[in-house]
């Protein structure tokens, strides 16, 4: 795996995690409660991104950007879930 792919995946992961944290802080600042089942929904979406990333790996090198986005979304979802637990 090239270093450029790792940087792209890490950037997407960090961006997703940061945006979820920012969204949570906005909800708390407004005085609203957290939506019930949010972590379960995020878990399901993360699993779907993971499955799609695995399938995309079989498509060859032509879709490297798509693979990086999918792996970044998967890693960001996992990191967000771990932080929120």
PDB file of N, CA and C in Angstrom:
ATOM      1  N   UNK A   1       0.854  -1.170   0.000  1.00  0.00           N
ATOM      2  CA  UNK A   1       0.000   0.000   0.000  1.00  0.00           C
ATOM      3  C   UNK A   1       0.901   1.235   0.000  1.00  0.00           C
ATOM      4  N   UNK A   2       0.604   2.155  -0.874  1.00  0.00           N
ATOM      5  CA  UNK A   2       1.442   3.346  -0.984  1.00  0.00           C
ATOM      6  C   UNK A   2       1.146   4.324   0.148  1.00  0.00           C
ATOM      7  N   UNK A   3       2.101   5.190   0.386  1.00  0.00           N
ATOM      8  CA  UNK A   3       1.929   6.179   1.451  1.00  0.00           C
ATOM      9  C   UNK A   3       0.827   7.181   1.104  1.00  0.00           C
ATOM     10  N   UNK A   4       0.614   7.442  -0.177  1.00  0.00           N
ATOM     11  CA  UNK A   4      -0.451   8.360  -0.580  1.00  0.00           C
ATOM     12  C   UNK A   4      -1.818   7.783  -0.214  1.00  0.00           C
ATOM     13  N   UNK A   5      -1.985   6.484  -0.407  1.00  0.00           N
ATOM     14  CA  UNK A   5      -3.253   5.848  -0.015  1.00  0.00           C
ATOM     15  C   UNK A   5      -3.468   5.948   1.486  1.00  0.00           C
ATOM     16  N   UNK A   6      -2.417   5.714   2.258  1.00  0.00           N
ATOM     17  CA  UNK A   6      -2.544   5.804   3.713  1.00  0.00           C
ATOM     18  C   UNK A   6      -2.907   7.212   4.155  1.00  0.00           C
ATOM     19  N   UNK A   7      -2.317   8.210   3.507  1.00  0.00           N
ATOM     20  CA  UNK A   7      -2.616   9.606   3.847  1.00  0.00           C
ATOM     21  C   UNK A   7      -4.074   9.917   3.515  1.00  0.00           C
ATOM     22  N   UNK A   8      -4.542   9.482   2.339  1.00  0.00           N
ATOM     23  CA  UNK A   8      -5.939   9.736   1.969  1.00  0.00           C
ATOM     24  C   UNK A   8      -6.900   9.040   2.929  1.00  0.00           C
ATOM     25  N   UNK A   9      -6.630   7.793   3.241  1.00  0.00           N
ATOM     26  CA  UNK A   9      -7.497   7.052   4.162  1.00  0.00           C
ATOM     27  C   UNK A   9      -7.495   7.711   5.541  1.00  0.00           C
ATOM     28  N   UNK A  10      -6.314   8.083   6.028  1.00  0.00           N
ATOM     29  CA  UNK A  10      -6.213   8.748   7.324  1.00  0.00           C
ATOM     30  C   UNK A  10      -6.923  10.097   7.349  1.00  0.00           C
ATOM     31  N   UNK A  11      -6.828  10.837   6.260  1.00  0.00           N
ATOM     32  CA  UNK A  11      -7.502  12.135   6.179  1.00  0.00           C
ATOM     33  C   UNK A  11      -9.012  11.993   6.204  1.00  0.00           C
ATOM     34  N   UNK A  12      -9.521  11.022   5.470  1.00  0.00           N
ATOM     35  CA  UNK A  12     -10.964  10.787   5.465  1.00  0.00           C
ATOM     36  C   UNK A  12     -11.421  10.311   6.841  1.00  0.00           C
ATOM     37  N   UNK A  13     -10.657   9.420   7.444  1.00  0.00           N
ATOM     38  CA  UNK A  13     -10.971   8.917   8.785  1.00  0.00           C
ATOM     39  C   UNK A  13     -11.019  10.060   9.797  1.00  0.00           C
ATOM     40  N   UNK A  14     -10.003  10.915   9.771  1.00  0.00           N
ATOM     41  CA  UNK A  14      -9.956  12.036  10.705  1.00  0.00           C
ATOM     42  C   UNK A  14     -11.098  13.014  10.447  1.00  0.00           C
ATOM     43  N   UNK A  15     -11.412  13.247   9.181  1.00  0.00           N
ATOM     44  CA  UNK A  15     -12.499  14.166   8.845  1.00  0.00           C
ATOM     45  C   UNK A  15     -13.852  13.665   9.327  1.00  0.00           C
ATOM     46  N   UNK A  16     -14.126  12.385   9.133  1.00  0.00           N
ATOM     47  CA  UNK A  16     -15.399  11.808   9.582  1.00  0.00           C
ATOM     48  C   UNK A  16     -15.503  11.866  11.101  1.00  0.00           C
ATOM     49  N   UNK A  17     -14.439  11.490  11.782  1.00  0.00           N
ATOM     50  CA  UNK A  17     -14.447  11.504  13.244  1.00  0.00           C
ATOM     51  C   UNK A  17     -14.644  12.917  13.776  1.00  0.00           C
ATOM     52  N   UNK A  18     -13.958  13.885  13.185  1.00  0.00           N
ATOM     53  CA  UNK A  18     -14.080  15.279  13.615  1.00  0.00           C
ATOM     54  C   UNK A  18     -15.494  15.797  13.394  1.00  0.00           C
ATOM     55  N   UNK A  19     -16.089  15.477  12.248  1.00  0.00           N
ATOM     56  CA  UNK A  19     -17.442  15.966  11.951  1.00  0.00           C
ATOM     57  C   UNK A  19     -18.488  15.358  12.885  1.00  0.00           C
ATOM     58  N   UNK A  20     -18.327  14.100  13.249  1.00  0.00           N
ATOM     59  CA  UNK A  20     -19.253  13.505  14.208  1.00  0.00           C
ATOM     60  C   UNK A  20     -19.102  14.154  15.582  1.00  0.00           C
ATOM     61  N   UNK A  21     -17.875  14.424  15.986  1.00  0.00           N
ATOM     62  CA  UNK A  21     -17.656  15.092  17.278  1.00  0.00           C
ATOM     63  C   UNK A  21     -18.258  16.485  17.265  1.00  0.00           C
ATOM     64  N   UNK A  22     -18.048  17.220  16.178  1.00  0.00           N
ATOM     65  CA  UNK A  22     -18.586  18.562  16.033  1.00  0.00           C
ATOM     66  C   UNK A  22     -20.111  18.534  16.052  1.00  0.00           C
ATOM     67  N   UNK A  23     -20.704  17.564  15.387  1.00  0.00           N
ATOM     68  CA  UNK A  23     -22.158  17.422  15.375  1.00  0.00           C
ATOM     69  C   UNK A  23     -22.685  17.136  16.772  1.00  0.00           C
ATOM     70  N   UNK A  24     -21.996  16.271  17.506  1.00  0.00           N
ATOM     71  CA  UNK A  24     -22.425  15.944  18.870  1.00  0.00           C
ATOM     72  C   UNK A  24     -22.340  17.169  19.767  1.00  0.00           C
ATOM     73  N   UNK A  25     -21.289  17.949  19.641  1.00  0.00           N
ATOM     74  CA  UNK A  25     -21.151  19.163  20.443  1.00  0.00           C
ATOM     75  C   UNK A  25     -22.249  20.175  20.119  1.00  0.00           C
ATOM     76  N   UNK A  26     -22.650  20.264  18.853  1.00  0.00           N
ATOM     77  CA  UNK A  26     -23.727  21.174  18.459  1.00  0.00           C
ATOM     78  C   UNK A  26     -25.055  20.743  19.072  1.00  0.00           C
ATOM     79  N   UNK A  27     -25.304  19.440  19.109  1.00  0.00           N
ATOM     80  CA  UNK A  27     -26.535  18.927  19.707  1.00  0.00           C
ATOM     81  C   UNK A  27     -26.562  19.241  21.193  1.00  0.00           C
ATOM     82  N   UNK A  28     -25.455  19.033  21.868  1.00  0.00           N
ATOM     83  CA  UNK A  28     -25.378  19.302  23.303  1.00  0.00           C
ATOM     84  C   UNK A  28     -25.517  20.798  23.569  1.00  0.00           C
ATOM     85  N   UNK A  29     -24.911  21.638  22.746  1.00  0.00           N
ATOM     86  CA  UNK A  29     -24.984  23.085  22.929  1.00  0.00           C
ATOM     87  C   UNK A  29     -26.413  23.603  22.772  1.00  0.00           C
ATOM     88  N   UNK A  30     -27.177  22.978  21.911  1.00  0.00           N
ATOM     89  CA  UNK A  30     -28.578  23.384  21.726  1.00  0.00           C
ATOM     90  C   UNK A  30     -29.484  22.866  22.835  1.00  0.00           C
ATOM     91  N   UNK A  31     -28.975  21.990  23.670  1.00  0.00           N
ATOM     92  CA  UNK A  31     -29.768  21.445  24.758  1.00  0.00           C
ATOM     93  C   UNK A  31     -30.613  20.249  24.355  1.00  0.00           C
ATOM     94  N   UNK A  32     -30.358  19.685  23.211  1.00  0.00           N
ATOM     95  CA  UNK A  32     -31.112  18.516  22.749  1.00  0.00           C
ATOM     96  C   UNK A  32     -30.473  17.235  23.251  1.00  0.00           C
ATOM     97  N   UNK A  33     -31.275  16.190  23.265  1.00  0.00           N
ATOM     98  CA  UNK A  33     -30.763  14.886  23.656  1.00  0.00           C
ATOM     99  C   UNK A  33     -30.209  14.164  22.443  1.00  0.00           C
ATOM    100  N   UNK A  34     -29.311  13.224  22.699  1.00  0.00           N
ATOM    101  CA  UNK A  34     -28.766  12.409  21.612  1.00  0.00           C
ATOM    102  C   UNK A  34     -29.851  11.487  21.069  1.00  0.00           C
ATOM    103  N   UNK A  35     -29.842  11.282  19.778  1.00  0.00           N
ATOM    104  CA  UNK A  35     -30.836  10.430  19.138  1.00  0.00           C
ATOM    105  C   UNK A  35     -30.607   8.990  19.583  1.00  0.00           C
ATOM    106  N   UNK A  36     -31.657   8.327  20.085  1.00  0.00           N
ATOM    107  CA  UNK A  36     -31.484   6.934  20.501  1.00  0.00           C
ATOM    108  C   UNK A  36     -31.168   6.041  19.296  1.00  0.00           C
ATOM    109  N   UNK A  37     -30.258   5.139  19.477  1.00  0.00           N
ATOM    110  CA  UNK A  37     -29.913   4.206  18.410  1.00  0.00           C
ATOM    111  C   UNK A  37     -28.904   4.742  17.417  1.00  0.00           C
ATOM    112  N   UNK A  38     -28.308   5.886  17.706  1.00  0.00           N
ATOM    113  CA  UNK A  38     -27.349   6.483  16.776  1.00  0.00           C
ATOM    114  C   UNK A  38     -26.128   5.588  16.583  1.00  0.00           C
ATOM    115  N   UNK A  39     -25.609   5.039  17.667  1.00  0.00           N
ATOM    116  CA  UNK A  39     -24.429   4.177  17.542  1.00  0.00           C
ATOM    117  C   UNK A  39     -24.759   2.887  16.797  1.00  0.00           C
ATOM    118  N   UNK A  40     -25.960   2.375  16.982  1.00  0.00           N
ATOM    119  CA  UNK A  40     -26.360   1.165  16.253  1.00  0.00           C
ATOM    120  C   UNK A  40     -26.454   1.460  14.760  1.00  0.00           C
ATOM    121  N   UNK A  41     -27.033   2.597  14.414  1.00  0.00           N
ATOM    122  CA  UNK A  41     -27.144   2.974  13.006  1.00  0.00           C
ATOM    123  C   UNK A  41     -25.762   3.207  12.400  1.00  0.00           C
ATOM    124  N   UNK A  42     -24.899   3.870  13.139  1.00  0.00           N
ATOM    125  CA  UNK A  42     -23.541   4.101  12.663  1.00  0.00           C
ATOM    126  C   UNK A  42     -22.789   2.785  12.494  1.00  0.00           C
ATOM    127  N   UNK A  43     -23.035   1.842  13.376  1.00  0.00           N
ATOM    128  CA  UNK A  43     -22.400   0.525  13.267  1.00  0.00           C
ATOM    129  C   UNK A  43     -22.838  -0.201  12.000  1.00  0.00           C
ATOM    130  N   UNK A  44     -24.116  -0.140  11.698  1.00  0.00           N
ATOM    131  CA  UNK A  44     -24.637  -0.805  10.498  1.00  0.00           C
ATOM    132  C   UNK A  44     -24.034  -0.173   9.245  1.00  0.00           C
ATOM    133  N   UNK A  45     -23.996   1.158   9.203  1.00  0.00           N
ATOM    134  CA  UNK A  45     -23.432   1.846   8.039  1.00  0.00           C
ATOM    135  C   UNK A  45     -21.945   1.530   7.895  1.00  0.00           C
ATOM    136  N   UNK A  46     -21.246   1.456   9.007  1.00  0.00           N
ATOM    137  CA  UNK A  46     -19.815   1.143   8.974  1.00  0.00           C
ATOM    138  C   UNK A  46     -19.590  -0.271   8.439  1.00  0.00           C
ATOM    139  N   UNK A  47     -20.405  -1.216   8.848  1.00  0.00           N
ATOM    140  CA  UNK A  47     -20.282  -2.587   8.335  1.00  0.00           C
ATOM    141  C   UNK A  47     -20.544  -2.615   6.830  1.00  0.00           C
ATOM    142  N   UNK A  48     -21.537  -1.850   6.374  1.00  0.00           N
ATOM    143  CA  UNK A  48     -21.820  -1.796   4.944  1.00  0.00           C
ATOM    144  C   UNK A  48     -20.654  -1.190   4.163  1.00  0.00           C
ATOM    145  N   UNK A  49     -20.045  -0.128   4.701  1.00  0.00           N
ATOM    146  CA  UNK A  49     -18.863   0.448   4.058  1.00  0.00           C
ATOM    147  C   UNK A  49     -17.713  -0.555   4.027  1.00  0.00           C
ATOM    148  N   UNK A  50     -17.556  -1.324   5.106  1.00  0.00           N
ATOM    149  CA  UNK A  50     -16.493  -2.326   5.168  1.00  0.00           C
ATOM    150  C   UNK A  50     -16.693  -3.404   4.104  1.00  0.00           C
ATOM    151  N   UNK A  51     -17.913  -3.884   3.985  1.00  0.00           N
ATOM    152  CA  UNK A  51     -18.201  -4.910   2.967  1.00  0.00           C
ATOM    153  C   UNK A  51     -17.946  -4.362   1.572  1.00  0.00           C
ATOM    154  N   UNK A  52     -18.384  -3.134   1.334  1.00  0.00           N
ATOM    155  CA  UNK A  52     -18.184  -2.533   0.010  1.00  0.00           C
ATOM    156  C   UNK A  52     -16.694  -2.319  -0.266  1.00  0.00           C
ATOM    157  N   UNK A  53     -15.918  -1.959   0.751  1.00  0.00           N
ATOM    158  CA  UNK A  53     -14.474  -1.766   0.574  1.00  0.00           C
ATOM    159  C   UNK A  53     -13.793  -3.087   0.225  1.00  0.00           C
ATOM    160  N   UNK A  54     -14.224  -4.161   0.872  1.00  0.00           N
ATOM    161  CA  UNK A  54     -13.656  -5.470   0.547  1.00  0.00           C
ATOM    162  C   UNK A  54     -13.970  -5.867  -0.893  1.00  0.00           C
ATOM    163  N   UNK A  55     -15.184  -5.622  -1.331  1.00  0.00           N
ATOM    164  CA  UNK A  55     -15.566  -5.942  -2.707  1.00  0.00           C
ATOM    165  C   UNK A  55     -14.798  -5.061  -3.691  1.00  0.00           C
ATOM    166  N   UNK A  56     -14.598  -3.802  -3.347  1.00  0.00           N
ATOM    167  CA  UNK A  56     -13.893  -2.877  -4.237  1.00  0.00           C
ATOM    168  C   UNK A  56     -12.433  -3.277  -4.426  1.00  0.00           C
ATOM    169  N   UNK A  57     -11.847  -3.941  -3.462  1.00  0.00           N
ATOM    170  CA  UNK A  57     -10.461  -4.376  -3.590  1.00  0.00           C
ATOM    171  C   UNK A  57     -10.285  -5.373  -4.731  1.00  0.00           C
ATOM    172  N   UNK A  58     -11.342  -6.046  -5.105  1.00  0.00           N
ATOM    173  CA  UNK A  58     -11.277  -7.023  -6.193  1.00  0.00           C
ATOM    174  C   UNK A  58     -11.411  -6.385  -7.571  1.00  0.00           C
ATOM    175  N   UNK A  59     -11.692  -5.090  -7.646  1.00  0.00           N
ATOM    176  CA  UNK A  59     -11.942  -4.425  -8.919  1.00  0.00           C
ATOM    177  C   UNK A  59     -10.684  -3.994  -9.650  1.00  0.00           C
ATOM    178  N   UNK A  60      -9.548  -4.112  -9.038  1.00  0.00           N
ATOM    179  CA  UNK A  60      -8.309  -3.722  -9.691  1.00  0.00           C
ATOM    180  C   UNK A  60      -7.884  -2.305  -9.332  1.00  0.00           C
ATOM    181  N   UNK A  61      -6.758  -1.862  -9.884  1.00  0.00           N
ATOM    182  CA  UNK A  61      -6.191  -0.568  -9.494  1.00  0.00           C
ATOM    183  C   UNK A  61      -6.938   0.639 -10.069  1.00  0.00           C
ATOM    184  N   UNK A  62      -7.885   0.439 -10.958  1.00  0.00           N
ATOM    185  CA  UNK A  62      -8.567   1.570 -11.588  1.00  0.00           C
ATOM    186  C   UNK A  62      -9.437   2.344 -10.607  1.00  0.00           C
ATOM    187  N   UNK A  63      -9.836   1.726  -9.525  1.00  0.00           N
ATOM    188  CA  UNK A  63     -10.732   2.391  -8.576  1.00  0.00           C
ATOM    189  C   UNK A  63     -10.064   2.665  -7.235  1.00  0.00           C
ATOM    190  N   UNK A  64      -8.791   3.046  -7.256  1.00  0.00           N
ATOM    191  CA  UNK A  64      -8.074   3.272  -6.004  1.00  0.00           C
ATOM    192  C   UNK A  64      -8.674   4.394  -5.170  1.00  0.00           C
ATOM    193  N   UNK A  65      -9.127   5.474  -5.797  1.00  0.00           N
ATOM    194  CA  UNK A  65      -9.716   6.580  -5.043  1.00  0.00           C
ATOM    195  C   UNK A  65     -10.993   6.120  -4.353  1.00  0.00           C
ATOM    196  N   UNK A  66     -11.806   5.352  -5.049  1.00  0.00           N
ATOM    197  CA  UNK A  66     -13.030   4.839  -4.447  1.00  0.00           C
ATOM    198  C   UNK A  66     -12.706   3.929  -3.265  1.00  0.00           C
ATOM    199  N   UNK A  67     -11.705   3.081  -3.421  1.00  0.00           N
ATOM    200  CA  UNK A  67     -11.300   2.193  -2.331  1.00  0.00           C
ATOM    201  C   UNK A  67     -10.831   2.994  -1.124  1.00  0.00           C
ATOM    202  N   UNK A  68     -10.039   4.037  -1.376  1.00  0.00           N
ATOM    203  CA  UNK A  68      -9.539   4.860  -0.276  1.00  0.00           C
ATOM    204  C   UNK A  68     -10.678   5.541   0.468  1.00  0.00           C
ATOM    205  N   UNK A  69     -11.658   6.026  -0.274  1.00  0.00           N
ATOM    206  CA  UNK A  69     -12.809   6.662   0.364  1.00  0.00           C
ATOM    207  C   UNK A  69     -13.567   5.651   1.215  1.00  0.00           C
ATOM    208  N   UNK A  70     -13.794   4.470   0.677  1.00  0.00           N
ATOM    209  CA  UNK A  70     -14.521   3.448   1.430  1.00  0.00           C
ATOM    210  C   UNK A  70     -13.763   3.003   2.676  1.00  0.00           C
ATOM    211  N   UNK A  71     -12.450   2.784   2.549  1.00  0.00           N
ATOM    212  CA  UNK A  71     -11.655   2.398   3.729  1.00  0.00           C
ATOM    213  C   UNK A  71     -11.606   3.539   4.742  1.00  0.00           C
ATOM    214  N   UNK A  72     -11.522   4.778   4.263  1.00  0.00           N
ATOM    215  CA  UNK A  72     -11.525   5.924   5.171  1.00  0.00           C
ATOM    216  C   UNK A  72     -12.840   6.058   5.923  1.00  0.00           C
ATOM    217  N   UNK A  73     -13.953   5.856   5.219  1.00  0.00           N
ATOM    218  CA  UNK A  73     -15.263   5.903   5.875  1.00  0.00           C
ATOM    219  C   UNK A  73     -15.413   4.775   6.887  1.00  0.00           C
ATOM    220  N   UNK A  74     -14.906   3.604   6.536  1.00  0.00           N
ATOM    221  CA  UNK A  74     -14.954   2.474   7.467  1.00  0.00           C
ATOM    222  C   UNK A  74     -14.134   2.770   8.719  1.00  0.00           C
ATOM    223  N   UNK A  75     -12.907   3.227   8.523  1.00  0.00           N
ATOM    224  CA  UNK A  75     -12.039   3.525   9.665  1.00  0.00           C
ATOM    225  C   UNK A  75     -12.606   4.665  10.501  1.00  0.00           C
ATOM    226  N   UNK A  76     -13.167   5.674   9.845  1.00  0.00           N
ATOM    227  CA  UNK A  76     -13.775   6.791  10.570  1.00  0.00           C
ATOM    228  C   UNK A  76     -14.973   6.348  11.380  1.00  0.00           C
ATOM    229  N   UNK A  77     -15.783   5.460  10.816  1.00  0.00           N
ATOM    230  CA  UNK A  77     -16.927   4.935  11.560  1.00  0.00           C
ATOM    231  C   UNK A  77     -16.505   4.136  12.774  1.00  0.00           C
ATOM    232  N   UNK A  78     -15.513   3.285  12.588  1.00  0.00           N
ATOM    233  CA  UNK A  78     -15.017   2.477  13.709  1.00  0.00           C
ATOM    234  C   UNK A  78     -14.431   3.372  14.800  1.00  0.00           C
ATOM    235  N   UNK A  79     -13.632   4.352  14.398  1.00  0.00           N
ATOM    236  CA  UNK A  79     -13.025   5.249  15.385  1.00  0.00           C
ATOM    237  C   UNK A  79     -14.090   6.068  16.113  1.00  0.00           C
ATOM    238  N   UNK A  80     -15.095   6.521  15.406  1.00  0.00           N
ATOM    239  CA  UNK A  80     -16.171   7.283  16.025  1.00  0.00           C
ATOM    240  C   UNK A  80     -16.936   6.421  17.033  1.00  0.00           C
ATOM    241  N   UNK A  81     -17.203   5.182  16.657  1.00  0.00           N
ATOM    242  CA  UNK A  81     -17.910   4.277  17.571  1.00  0.00           C
ATOM    243  C   UNK A  81     -17.066   4.027  18.819  1.00  0.00           C
ATOM    244  N   UNK A  82     -15.773   3.802  18.645  1.00  0.00           N
ATOM    245  CA  UNK A  82     -14.901   3.552  19.795  1.00  0.00           C
ATOM    246  C   UNK A  82     -14.809   4.767  20.718  1.00  0.00           C
ATOM    247  N   UNK A  83     -14.772   5.946  20.141  1.00  0.00           N
ATOM    248  CA  UNK A  83     -14.695   7.169  20.945  1.00  0.00           C
ATOM    249  C   UNK A  83     -15.997   7.383  21.727  1.00  0.00           C
ATOM    250  N   UNK A  84     -17.128   7.081  21.090  1.00  0.00           N
ATOM    251  CA  UNK A  84     -18.430   7.348  21.710  1.00  0.00           C
ATOM    252  C   UNK A  84     -18.819   6.304  22.757  1.00  0.00           C
ATOM    253  N   UNK A  85     -18.142   5.169  22.817  1.00  0.00           N
ATOM    254  CA  UNK A  85     -18.503   4.136  23.806  1.00  0.00           C
ATOM    255  C   UNK A  85     -18.144   4.540  25.200  1.00  0.00           C
TER     256      UNK A  85
END
